[in-house]
PDB file of N, CA and C in Angstrom:
ATOM      1  N   MET A   1     -32.536  18.761  17.466  1.00  0.00           N
ATOM      2  CA  MET A   1     -31.453  17.842  17.735  1.00  0.00           C
ATOM      3  C   MET A   1     -31.227  17.004  16.471  1.00  0.00           C
ATOM      4  N   SER A   2     -29.970  16.957  16.008  1.00  0.00           N
ATOM      5  CA  SER A   2     -29.669  16.226  14.783  1.00  0.00           C
ATOM      6  C   SER A   2     -29.500  14.731  15.067  1.00  0.00           C
ATOM      7  N   GLU A   3     -29.472  13.960  14.001  1.00  0.00           N
ATOM      8  CA  GLU A   3     -29.337  12.508  14.125  1.00  0.00           C
ATOM      9  C   GLU A   3     -27.981  12.127  14.721  1.00  0.00           C
ATOM     10  N   ILE A   4     -26.950  12.908  14.443  1.00  0.00           N
ATOM     11  CA  ILE A   4     -25.622  12.622  14.984  1.00  0.00           C
ATOM     12  C   ILE A   4     -25.602  12.817  16.493  1.00  0.00           C
ATOM     13  N   ASP A   5     -26.351  13.798  17.013  1.00  0.00           N
ATOM     14  CA  ASP A   5     -26.395  14.034  18.456  1.00  0.00           C
ATOM     15  C   ASP A   5     -27.064  12.884  19.197  1.00  0.00           C
ATOM     16  N   ILE A   6     -27.955  12.158  18.546  1.00  0.00           N
ATOM     17  CA  ILE A   6     -28.663  11.052  19.188  1.00  0.00           C
ATOM     18  C   ILE A   6     -27.737   9.854  19.406  1.00  0.00           C
ATOM     19  N   ILE A   7     -26.778   9.634  18.485  1.00  0.00           N
ATOM     20  CA  ILE A   7     -25.862   8.500  18.594  1.00  0.00           C
ATOM     21  C   ILE A   7     -24.887   8.760  19.738  1.00  0.00           C
ATOM     22  N   ALA A   8     -24.736   7.765  20.608  1.00  0.00           N
ATOM     23  CA  ALA A   8     -23.811   7.899  21.733  1.00  0.00           C
ATOM     24  C   ALA A   8     -22.380   8.049  21.218  1.00  0.00           C
ATOM     25  N   PRO A   9     -21.543   8.811  21.910  1.00  0.00           N
ATOM     26  CA  PRO A   9     -20.168   9.046  21.438  1.00  0.00           C
ATOM     27  C   PRO A   9     -19.379   7.761  21.205  1.00  0.00           C
ATOM     28  N   GLU A  10     -19.574   6.738  22.023  1.00  0.00           N
ATOM     29  CA  GLU A  10     -18.817   5.498  21.855  1.00  0.00           C
ATOM     30  C   GLU A  10     -19.266   4.697  20.646  1.00  0.00           C
ATOM     31  N   HIS A  11     -20.384   5.060  20.027  1.00  0.00           N
ATOM     32  CA  HIS A  11     -20.883   4.350  18.855  1.00  0.00           C
ATOM     33  C   HIS A  11     -20.716   5.146  17.557  1.00  0.00           C
ATOM     34  N   ARG A  12     -20.013   6.255  17.613  1.00  0.00           N
ATOM     35  CA  ARG A  12     -19.824   7.071  16.412  1.00  0.00           C
ATOM     36  C   ARG A  12     -18.638   6.606  15.581  1.00  0.00           C
ATOM     37  N   PHE A  13     -17.661   6.018  16.223  1.00  0.00           N
ATOM     38  CA  PHE A  13     -16.434   5.640  15.540  1.00  0.00           C
ATOM     39  C   PHE A  13     -15.915   4.348  16.132  1.00  0.00           C
ATOM     40  N   GLY A  14     -15.391   3.456  15.282  1.00  0.00           N
ATOM     41  CA  GLY A  14     -14.836   2.218  15.800  1.00  0.00           C
ATOM     42  C   GLY A  14     -13.861   1.570  14.833  1.00  0.00           C
ATOM     43  N   PHE A  15     -13.047   0.698  15.386  1.00  0.00           N
ATOM     44  CA  PHE A  15     -12.065  -0.049  14.607  1.00  0.00           C
ATOM     45  C   PHE A  15     -12.090  -1.488  15.079  1.00  0.00           C
ATOM     46  N   THR A  16     -12.223  -2.435  14.147  1.00  0.00           N
ATOM     47  CA  THR A  16     -12.355  -3.839  14.516  1.00  0.00           C
ATOM     48  C   THR A  16     -11.143  -4.682  14.161  1.00  0.00           C
ATOM     49  N   GLY A  17     -10.121  -4.084  13.565  1.00  0.00           N
ATOM     50  CA  GLY A  17      -8.932  -4.851  13.175  1.00  0.00           C
ATOM     51  C   GLY A  17      -8.048  -5.157  14.370  1.00  0.00           C
ATOM     52  N   ASN A  18      -7.086  -6.057  14.138  1.00  0.00           N
ATOM     53  CA  ASN A  18      -6.093  -6.339  15.170  1.00  0.00           C
ATOM     54  C   ASN A  18      -4.736  -6.540  14.518  1.00  0.00           C
ATOM     55  N   TRP A  19      -3.717  -6.526  15.332  1.00  0.00           N
ATOM     56  CA  TRP A  19      -2.358  -6.563  14.799  1.00  0.00           C
ATOM     57  C   TRP A  19      -2.022  -7.917  14.197  1.00  0.00           C
ATOM     58  N   ARG A  20      -2.666  -8.991  14.634  1.00  0.00           N
ATOM     59  CA  ARG A  20      -2.377 -10.319  14.083  1.00  0.00           C
ATOM     60  C   ARG A  20      -2.836 -10.449  12.632  1.00  0.00           C
ATOM     61  N   GLU A  21      -3.877  -9.741  12.271  1.00  0.00           N
ATOM     62  CA  GLU A  21      -4.308  -9.727  10.871  1.00  0.00           C
ATOM     63  C   GLU A  21      -3.466  -8.764  10.043  1.00  0.00           C
ATOM     64  N   PHE A  22      -3.016  -7.680  10.677  1.00  0.00           N
ATOM     65  CA  PHE A  22      -2.264  -6.653   9.960  1.00  0.00           C
ATOM     66  C   PHE A  22      -0.792  -7.012   9.783  1.00  0.00           C
ATOM     67  N   LEU A  23      -0.233  -7.801  10.689  1.00  0.00           N
ATOM     68  CA  LEU A  23       1.188  -8.117  10.660  1.00  0.00           C
ATOM     69  C   LEU A  23       1.636  -8.779   9.354  1.00  0.00           C
ATOM     70  N   PRO A  24       0.930  -9.802   8.821  1.00  0.00           N
ATOM     71  CA  PRO A  24       1.377 -10.374   7.536  1.00  0.00           C
ATOM     72  C   PRO A  24       1.363  -9.362   6.387  1.00  0.00           C
ATOM     73  N   ILE A  25       0.411  -8.461   6.409  1.00  0.00           N
ATOM     74  CA  ILE A  25       0.355  -7.418   5.376  1.00  0.00           C
ATOM     75  C   ILE A  25       1.571  -6.506   5.505  1.00  0.00           C
ATOM     76  N   ALA A  26       1.867  -6.075   6.715  1.00  0.00           N
ATOM     77  CA  ALA A  26       2.988  -5.160   6.936  1.00  0.00           C
ATOM     78  C   ALA A  26       4.324  -5.821   6.617  1.00  0.00           C
ATOM     79  N   LEU A  27       4.513  -7.076   7.024  1.00  0.00           N
ATOM     80  CA  LEU A  27       5.781  -7.755   6.764  1.00  0.00           C
ATOM     81  C   LEU A  27       5.988  -8.024   5.274  1.00  0.00           C
ATOM     82  N   SER A  28       4.955  -8.478   4.600  1.00  0.00           N
ATOM     83  CA  SER A  28       5.107  -8.730   3.159  1.00  0.00           C
ATOM     84  C   SER A  28       5.325  -7.422   2.408  1.00  0.00           C
ATOM     85  N   ASN A  29       4.665  -6.360   2.836  1.00  0.00           N
ATOM     86  CA  ASN A  29       4.884  -5.057   2.211  1.00  0.00           C
ATOM     87  C   ASN A  29       6.320  -4.591   2.400  1.00  0.00           C
ATOM     88  N   ALA A  30       6.844  -4.757   3.609  1.00  0.00           N
ATOM     89  CA  ALA A  30       8.226  -4.347   3.881  1.00  0.00           C
ATOM     90  C   ALA A  30       9.203  -5.148   3.032  1.00  0.00           C
ATOM     91  N   LEU A  31       8.996  -6.453   2.951  1.00  0.00           N
ATOM     92  CA  LEU A  31       9.890  -7.301   2.166  1.00  0.00           C
ATOM     93  C   LEU A  31       9.837  -6.941   0.681  1.00  0.00           C
ATOM     94  N   LEU A  32       8.632  -6.803   0.140  1.00  0.00           N
ATOM     95  CA  LEU A  32       8.504  -6.469  -1.278  1.00  0.00           C
ATOM     96  C   LEU A  32       9.028  -5.069  -1.598  1.00  0.00           C
ATOM     97  N   THR A  33       8.894  -4.147  -0.665  1.00  0.00           N
ATOM     98  CA  THR A  33       9.428  -2.801  -0.878  1.00  0.00           C
ATOM     99  C   THR A  33      10.948  -2.837  -0.918  1.00  0.00           C
ATOM    100  N   LEU A  34      11.564  -3.633  -0.046  1.00  0.00           N
ATOM    101  CA  LEU A  34      13.015  -3.765  -0.063  1.00  0.00           C
ATOM    102  C   LEU A  34      13.506  -4.447  -1.333  1.00  0.00           C
ATOM    103  N   VAL A  35      12.847  -5.519  -1.727  1.00  0.00           N
ATOM    104  CA  VAL A  35      13.266  -6.283  -2.904  1.00  0.00           C
ATOM    105  C   VAL A  35      13.142  -5.442  -4.177  1.00  0.00           C
ATOM    106  N   THR A  36      12.092  -4.631  -4.274  1.00  0.00           N
ATOM    107  CA  THR A  36      11.884  -3.820  -5.478  1.00  0.00           C
ATOM    108  C   THR A  36      12.508  -2.429  -5.365  1.00  0.00           C
ATOM    109  N   LEU A  37      13.313  -2.220  -4.329  1.00  0.00           N
ATOM    110  CA  LEU A  37      14.005  -0.939  -4.117  1.00  0.00           C
ATOM    111  C   LEU A  37      13.039   0.241  -4.024  1.00  0.00           C
ATOM    112  N   GLY A  38      11.893   0.027  -3.404  1.00  0.00           N
ATOM    113  CA  GLY A  38      10.946   1.100  -3.133  1.00  0.00           C
ATOM    114  C   GLY A  38       9.827   1.265  -4.139  1.00  0.00           C
ATOM    115  N   ILE A  39       9.907   0.595  -5.278  1.00  0.00           N
ATOM    116  CA  ILE A  39       8.864   0.745  -6.291  1.00  0.00           C
ATOM    117  C   ILE A  39       7.522   0.211  -5.784  1.00  0.00           C
ATOM    118  N   TYR A  40       7.552  -0.867  -4.995  1.00  0.00           N
ATOM    119  CA  TYR A  40       6.318  -1.486  -4.506  1.00  0.00           C
ATOM    120  C   TYR A  40       5.637  -0.637  -3.420  1.00  0.00           C
ATOM    121  N   ARG A  41       6.295   0.406  -2.970  1.00  0.00           N
ATOM    122  CA  ARG A  41       5.793   1.214  -1.864  1.00  0.00           C
ATOM    123  C   ARG A  41       4.363   1.695  -2.079  1.00  0.00           C
ATOM    124  N   PHE A  42       4.012   2.053  -3.286  1.00  0.00           N
ATOM    125  CA  PHE A  42       2.689   2.598  -3.568  1.00  0.00           C
ATOM    126  C   PHE A  42       1.610   1.520  -3.441  1.00  0.00           C
ATOM    127  N   TRP A  43       1.924   0.315  -3.875  1.00  0.00           N
ATOM    128  CA  TRP A  43       0.971  -0.787  -3.745  1.00  0.00           C
ATOM    129  C   TRP A  43       0.918  -1.278  -2.298  1.00  0.00           C
ATOM    130  N   ALA A  44       2.009  -1.123  -1.558  1.00  0.00           N
ATOM    131  CA  ALA A  44       2.018  -1.450  -0.131  1.00  0.00           C
ATOM    132  C   ALA A  44       1.104  -0.497   0.639  1.00  0.00           C
ATOM    133  N   ILE A  45       1.169   0.777   0.309  1.00  0.00           N
ATOM    134  CA  ILE A  45       0.286   1.757   0.944  1.00  0.00           C
ATOM    135  C   ILE A  45      -1.162   1.411   0.661  1.00  0.00           C
ATOM    136  N   LYS A  46      -1.444   0.996  -0.572  1.00  0.00           N
ATOM    137  CA  LYS A  46      -2.808   0.637  -0.947  1.00  0.00           C
ATOM    138  C   LYS A  46      -3.299  -0.565  -0.134  1.00  0.00           C
ATOM    139  N   ARG A  47      -2.465  -1.593   0.023  1.00  0.00           N
ATOM    140  CA  ARG A  47      -2.869  -2.774   0.798  1.00  0.00           C
ATOM    141  C   ARG A  47      -3.119  -2.414   2.262  1.00  0.00           C
ATOM    142  N   GLU A  48      -2.255  -1.579   2.831  1.00  0.00           N
ATOM    143  CA  GLU A  48      -2.434  -1.170   4.227  1.00  0.00           C
ATOM    144  C   GLU A  48      -3.700  -0.347   4.401  1.00  0.00           C
ATOM    145  N   ARG A  49      -3.934   0.575   3.502  1.00  0.00           N
ATOM    146  CA  ARG A  49      -5.144   1.389   3.601  1.00  0.00           C
ATOM    147  C   ARG A  49      -6.398   0.558   3.383  1.00  0.00           C
ATOM    148  N   ASP A  50      -6.335  -0.419   2.473  1.00  0.00           N
ATOM    149  CA  ASP A  50      -7.470  -1.325   2.287  1.00  0.00           C
ATOM    150  C   ASP A  50      -7.842  -1.993   3.602  1.00  0.00           C
ATOM    151  N   TYR A  51      -6.839  -2.531   4.295  1.00  0.00           N
ATOM    152  CA  TYR A  51      -7.106  -3.222   5.556  1.00  0.00           C
ATOM    153  C   TYR A  51      -7.629  -2.248   6.618  1.00  0.00           C
ATOM    154  N   LEU A  52      -6.924  -1.147   6.806  1.00  0.00           N
ATOM    155  CA  LEU A  52      -7.290  -0.223   7.875  1.00  0.00           C
ATOM    156  C   LEU A  52      -8.665   0.400   7.649  1.00  0.00           C
ATOM    157  N   TRP A  53      -8.939   0.804   6.440  1.00  0.00           N
ATOM    158  CA  TRP A  53     -10.231   1.423   6.151  1.00  0.00           C
ATOM    159  C   TRP A  53     -11.360   0.407   6.230  1.00  0.00           C
ATOM    160  N   SER A  54     -11.139  -0.816   5.762  1.00  0.00           N
ATOM    161  CA  SER A  54     -12.220  -1.802   5.766  1.00  0.00           C
ATOM    162  C   SER A  54     -12.561  -2.290   7.168  1.00  0.00           C
ATOM    163  N   HIS A  55     -11.694  -2.034   8.139  1.00  0.00           N
ATOM    164  CA  HIS A  55     -11.975  -2.417   9.519  1.00  0.00           C
ATOM    165  C   HIS A  55     -12.363  -1.217  10.385  1.00  0.00           C
ATOM    166  N   THR A  56     -12.678  -0.101   9.745  1.00  0.00           N
ATOM    167  CA  THR A  56     -13.054   1.122  10.463  1.00  0.00           C
ATOM    168  C   THR A  56     -14.476   1.510  10.083  1.00  0.00           C
ATOM    169  N   TRP A  57     -15.260   1.884  11.075  1.00  0.00           N
ATOM    170  CA  TRP A  57     -16.615   2.360  10.795  1.00  0.00           C
ATOM    171  C   TRP A  57     -16.825   3.701  11.474  1.00  0.00           C
ATOM    172  N   PHE A  58     -17.691   4.498  10.854  1.00  0.00           N
ATOM    173  CA  PHE A  58     -18.014   5.838  11.344  1.00  0.00           C
ATOM    174  C   PHE A  58     -19.501   6.055  11.128  1.00  0.00           C
ATOM    175  N   LEU A  59     -20.208   6.308  12.204  1.00  0.00           N
ATOM    176  CA  LEU A  59     -21.654   6.533  12.177  1.00  0.00           C
ATOM    177  C   LEU A  59     -22.386   5.393  11.465  1.00  0.00           C
ATOM    178  N   ASP A  60     -22.090   4.172  11.851  1.00  0.00           N
ATOM    179  CA  ASP A  60     -22.720   2.954  11.342  1.00  0.00           C
ATOM    180  C   ASP A  60     -22.450   2.674   9.866  1.00  0.00           C
ATOM    181  N   ASP A  61     -21.442   3.275   9.295  1.00  0.00           N
ATOM    182  CA  ASP A  61     -21.042   2.998   7.922  1.00  0.00           C
ATOM    183  C   ASP A  61     -19.583   2.572   7.910  1.00  0.00           C
ATOM    184  N   TRP A  62     -19.305   1.471   7.212  1.00  0.00           N
ATOM    185  CA  TRP A  62     -17.924   1.003   7.074  1.00  0.00           C
ATOM    186  C   TRP A  62     -17.229   1.853   6.021  1.00  0.00           C
ATOM    187  N   LEU A  63     -15.987   2.212   6.303  1.00  0.00           N
ATOM    188  CA  LEU A  63     -15.205   3.002   5.355  1.00  0.00           C
ATOM    189  C   LEU A  63     -14.652   2.089   4.265  1.00  0.00           C
ATOM    190  N   GLU A  64     -14.371   2.675   3.111  1.00  0.00           N
ATOM    191  CA  GLU A  64     -13.847   1.899   1.995  1.00  0.00           C
ATOM    192  C   GLU A  64     -12.792   2.711   1.267  1.00  0.00           C
ATOM    193  N   TRP A  65     -11.629   2.135   1.072  1.00  0.00           N
ATOM    194  CA  TRP A  65     -10.563   2.778   0.313  1.00  0.00           C
ATOM    195  C   TRP A  65     -10.702   2.323  -1.127  1.00  0.00           C
ATOM    196  N   THR A  66     -10.836   3.263  -2.052  1.00  0.00           N
ATOM    197  CA  THR A  66     -11.042   2.906  -3.453  1.00  0.00           C
ATOM    198  C   THR A  66      -9.863   3.290  -4.336  1.00  0.00           C
ATOM    199  N   GLY A  67      -8.808   3.785  -3.749  1.00  0.00           N
ATOM    200  CA  GLY A  67      -7.634   4.166  -4.530  1.00  0.00           C
ATOM    201  C   GLY A  67      -6.848   2.944  -4.991  1.00  0.00           C
ATOM    202  N   THR A  68      -5.931   3.168  -5.930  1.00  0.00           N
ATOM    203  CA  THR A  68      -5.082   2.098  -6.433  1.00  0.00           C
ATOM    204  C   THR A  68      -3.619   2.497  -6.292  1.00  0.00           C
ATOM    205  N   GLY A  69      -2.759   1.499  -6.351  1.00  0.00           N
ATOM    206  CA  GLY A  69      -1.330   1.762  -6.295  1.00  0.00           C
ATOM    207  C   GLY A  69      -0.855   2.575  -7.482  1.00  0.00           C
ATOM    208  N   LYS A  70      -1.445   2.329  -8.642  1.00  0.00           N
ATOM    209  CA  LYS A  70      -1.076   3.067  -9.847  1.00  0.00           C
ATOM    210  C   LYS A  70      -1.415   4.553  -9.700  1.00  0.00           C
ATOM    211  N   GLU A  71      -2.563   4.844  -9.099  1.00  0.00           N
ATOM    212  CA  GLU A  71      -2.936   6.248  -8.874  1.00  0.00           C
ATOM    213  C   GLU A  71      -1.944   6.930  -7.939  1.00  0.00           C
ATOM    214  N   LEU A  72      -1.523   6.228  -6.891  1.00  0.00           N
ATOM    215  CA  LEU A  72      -0.543   6.798  -5.974  1.00  0.00           C
ATOM    216  C   LEU A  72       0.795   7.036  -6.679  1.00  0.00           C
ATOM    217  N   LEU A  73       1.214   6.078  -7.513  1.00  0.00           N
ATOM    218  CA  LEU A  73       2.464   6.218  -8.258  1.00  0.00           C
ATOM    219  C   LEU A  73       2.391   7.400  -9.222  1.00  0.00           C
ATOM    220  N   LEU A  74       1.298   7.518  -9.971  1.00  0.00           N
ATOM    221  CA  LEU A  74       1.164   8.628 -10.913  1.00  0.00           C
ATOM    222  C   LEU A  74       1.091   9.973 -10.193  1.00  0.00           C
ATOM    223  N   GLY A  75       0.435  10.019  -9.035  1.00  0.00           N
ATOM    224  CA  GLY A  75       0.404  11.250  -8.241  1.00  0.00           C
ATOM    225  C   GLY A  75       1.777  11.637  -7.751  1.00  0.00           C
ATOM    226  N   PHE A  76       2.570  10.648  -7.336  1.00  0.00           N
ATOM    227  CA  PHE A  76       3.934  10.917  -6.887  1.00  0.00           C
ATOM    228  C   PHE A  76       4.796  11.439  -8.029  1.00  0.00           C
ATOM    229  N   ILE A  77       4.683  10.802  -9.189  1.00  0.00           N
ATOM    230  CA  ILE A  77       5.472  11.243 -10.345  1.00  0.00           C
ATOM    231  C   ILE A  77       5.079  12.663 -10.752  1.00  0.00           C
ATOM    232  N   THR A  78       3.786  12.960 -10.749  1.00  0.00           N
ATOM    233  CA  THR A  78       3.310  14.297 -11.099  1.00  0.00           C
ATOM    234  C   THR A  78       3.820  15.337 -10.109  1.00  0.00           C
ATOM    235  N   ALA A  79       3.708  15.041  -8.823  1.00  0.00           N
ATOM    236  CA  ALA A  79       4.177  15.986  -7.804  1.00  0.00           C
ATOM    237  C   ALA A  79       5.687  16.171  -7.885  1.00  0.00           C
ATOM    238  N   ALA A  80       6.418  15.092  -8.099  1.00  0.00           N
ATOM    239  CA  ALA A  80       7.874  15.196  -8.210  1.00  0.00           C
ATOM    240  C   ALA A  80       8.261  16.049  -9.415  1.00  0.00           C
ATOM    241  N   PHE A  81       7.559  15.886 -10.521  1.00  0.00           N
ATOM    242  CA  PHE A  81       7.849  16.677 -11.713  1.00  0.00           C
ATOM    243  C   PHE A  81       7.498  18.150 -11.499  1.00  0.00           C
ATOM    244  N   LEU A  82       6.302  18.399 -10.933  1.00  0.00           N
ATOM    245  CA  LEU A  82       5.867  19.787 -10.754  1.00  0.00           C
ATOM    246  C   LEU A  82       6.704  20.529  -9.719  1.00  0.00           C
ATOM    247  N   LEU A  83       7.206  19.825  -8.715  1.00  0.00           N
ATOM    248  CA  LEU A  83       8.054  20.468  -7.717  1.00  0.00           C
ATOM    249  C   LEU A  83       9.532  20.397  -8.097  1.00  0.00           C
ATOM    250  N   GLY A  84       9.918  19.314  -8.754  1.00  0.00           N
ATOM    251  CA  GLY A  84      11.322  19.112  -9.076  1.00  0.00           C
ATOM    252  C   GLY A  84      11.820  19.970 -10.224  1.00  0.00           C
ATOM    253  N   LEU A  85      10.995  20.181 -11.225  1.00  0.00           N
ATOM    254  CA  LEU A  85      11.422  20.978 -12.379  1.00  0.00           C
ATOM    255  C   LEU A  85      11.774  22.416 -11.998  1.00  0.00           C
ATOM    256  N   PRO A  86      10.931  23.123 -11.248  1.00  0.00           N
ATOM    257  CA  PRO A  86      11.329  24.487 -10.854  1.00  0.00           C
ATOM    258  C   PRO A  86      12.576  24.498  -9.959  1.00  0.00           C
ATOM    259  N   LEU A  87      12.705  23.523  -9.073  1.00  0.00           N
ATOM    260  CA  LEU A  87      13.903  23.471  -8.232  1.00  0.00           C
ATOM    261  C   LEU A  87      15.146  23.196  -9.065  1.00  0.00           C
ATOM    262  N   PHE A  88      15.021  22.325 -10.055  1.00  0.00           N
ATOM    263  CA  PHE A  88      16.138  22.033 -10.958  1.00  0.00           C
ATOM    264  C   PHE A  88      16.551  23.295 -11.718  1.00  0.00           C
ATOM    265  N   VAL A  89      15.575  24.012 -12.232  1.00  0.00           N
ATOM    266  CA  VAL A  89      15.872  25.245 -12.980  1.00  0.00           C
ATOM    267  C   VAL A  89      16.500  26.279 -12.059  1.00  0.00           C
ATOM    268  N   LEU A  90      15.985  26.435 -10.861  1.00  0.00           N
ATOM    269  CA  LEU A  90      16.564  27.404  -9.927  1.00  0.00           C
ATOM    270  C   LEU A  90      17.995  27.047  -9.559  1.00  0.00           C
ATOM    271  N   GLN A  91      18.227  25.787  -9.274  1.00  0.00           N
ATOM    272  CA  GLN A  91      19.562  25.364  -8.845  1.00  0.00           C
ATOM    273  C   GLN A  91      20.583  25.499  -9.964  1.00  0.00           C
ATOM    274  N   PHE A  92      20.302  24.856 -11.086  1.00  0.00           N
ATOM    275  CA  PHE A  92      21.297  24.826 -12.153  1.00  0.00           C
ATOM    276  C   PHE A  92      21.215  26.039 -13.073  1.00  0.00           C
ATOM    277  N   GLY A  93      20.055  26.648 -13.169  1.00  0.00           N
ATOM    278  CA  GLY A  93      19.937  27.867 -13.969  1.00  0.00           C
ATOM    279  C   GLY A  93      20.713  29.011 -13.363  1.00  0.00           C
ATOM    280  N   THR A  94      20.624  29.184 -12.069  1.00  0.00           N
ATOM    281  CA  THR A  94      21.380  30.260 -11.408  1.00  0.00           C
ATOM    282  C   THR A  94      22.877  29.989 -11.485  1.00  0.00           C
ATOM    283  N   GLN A  95      23.282  28.730 -11.355  1.00  0.00           N
ATOM    284  CA  GLN A  95      24.707  28.411 -11.487  1.00  0.00           C
ATOM    285  C   GLN A  95      25.197  28.714 -12.899  1.00  0.00           C
ATOM    286  N   ALA A  96      24.374  28.387 -13.895  1.00  0.00           N
ATOM    287  CA  ALA A  96      24.763  28.659 -15.280  1.00  0.00           C
ATOM    288  C   ALA A  96      24.868  30.153 -15.534  1.00  0.00           C
ATOM    289  N   MET A  97      23.939  30.942 -14.977  1.00  0.00           N
ATOM    290  CA  MET A  97      23.996  32.396 -15.168  1.00  0.00           C
ATOM    291  C   MET A  97      25.226  32.983 -14.490  1.00  0.00           C
ATOM    292  N   VAL A  98      25.549  32.511 -13.296  1.00  0.00           N
ATOM    293  CA  VAL A  98      26.738  33.011 -12.599  1.00  0.00           C
ATOM    294  C   VAL A  98      27.987  32.632 -13.382  1.00  0.00           C
ATOM    295  N   TYR A  99      28.053  31.408 -13.852  1.00  0.00           N
ATOM    296  CA  TYR A  99      29.212  30.965 -14.624  1.00  0.00           C
ATOM    297  C   TYR A  99      29.345  31.782 -15.916  1.00  0.00           C
ATOM    298  N   TYR A 100      28.233  31.990 -16.589  1.00  0.00           N
ATOM    299  CA  TYR A 100      28.257  32.738 -17.850  1.00  0.00           C
ATOM    300  C   TYR A 100      28.699  34.180 -17.618  1.00  0.00           C
ATOM    301  N   CYS A 101      28.178  34.818 -16.586  1.00  0.00           N
ATOM    302  CA  CYS A 101      28.517  36.207 -16.306  1.00  0.00           C
ATOM    303  C   CYS A 101      29.950  36.344 -15.809  1.00  0.00           C
ATOM    304  N   CYS A 102      30.351  35.466 -14.929  1.00  0.00           N
ATOM    305  CA  CYS A 102      31.687  35.588 -14.329  1.00  0.00           C
ATOM    306  C   CYS A 102      32.786  35.114 -15.268  1.00  0.00           C
ATOM    307  N   SER A 103      32.517  34.172 -16.141  1.00  0.00           N
ATOM    308  CA  SER A 103      33.572  33.684 -17.033  1.00  0.00           C
ATOM    309  C   SER A 103      33.994  34.782 -18.013  1.00  0.00           C
ATOM    310  N   SER A 104      33.076  35.614 -18.440  1.00  0.00           N
ATOM    311  CA  SER A 104      33.447  36.705 -19.358  1.00  0.00           C
ATOM    312  C   SER A 104      34.129  37.837 -18.610  1.00  0.00           C
ATOM    313  N   ALA A 105      33.817  38.008 -17.332  1.00  0.00           N
ATOM    314  CA  ALA A 105      34.439  39.081 -16.560  1.00  0.00           C
ATOM    315  C   ALA A 105      35.882  38.778 -16.216  1.00  0.00           C
ATOM    316  N   PHE A 106      36.222  37.494 -16.087  1.00  0.00           N
ATOM    317  CA  PHE A 106      37.581  37.112 -15.699  1.00  0.00           C
ATOM    318  C   PHE A 106      38.420  36.604 -16.862  1.00  0.00           C
ATOM    319  N   SER A 107      37.946  36.752 -18.059  1.00  0.00           N
ATOM    320  CA  SER A 107      38.731  36.256 -19.193  1.00  0.00           C
ATOM    321  C   SER A 107      39.922  37.183 -19.430  1.00  0.00           C
ATOM    322  N   LEU A 108      40.969  36.655 -20.004  1.00  0.00           N
ATOM    323  CA  LEU A 108      42.203  37.413 -20.218  1.00  0.00           C
ATOM    324  C   LEU A 108      42.241  38.102 -21.576  1.00  0.00           C
ATOM    325  N   GLU A 109      41.166  38.077 -22.282  1.00  0.00           N
ATOM    326  CA  GLU A 109      41.133  38.724 -23.599  1.00  0.00           C
ATOM    327  C   GLU A 109      41.014  40.198 -23.545  1.00  0.00           C
TER     328      GLU A 109
END
């Protein structure tokens, strides 16, 4: 029998936060995200995860979020570039090839 089997199911996972502590975080995040036109979104996610993770425990250990808003922003920019560049090339590259091929076929020369 493992150590995890000995712990009662109701003591394996828990959350101690409440909405009254979370509400100021959520409202300030919403306001700052609107004011900065979405740029603050990554730091808002970090603040929310900090609160939620720090009030959650699993198998007698408190969880800890160690990420930063800058890491989330850089990950978003990287993903947008890696996914956006091929889509951009497919969209406009195919249009350019069609235009190039068809413009010579319909010329009056």
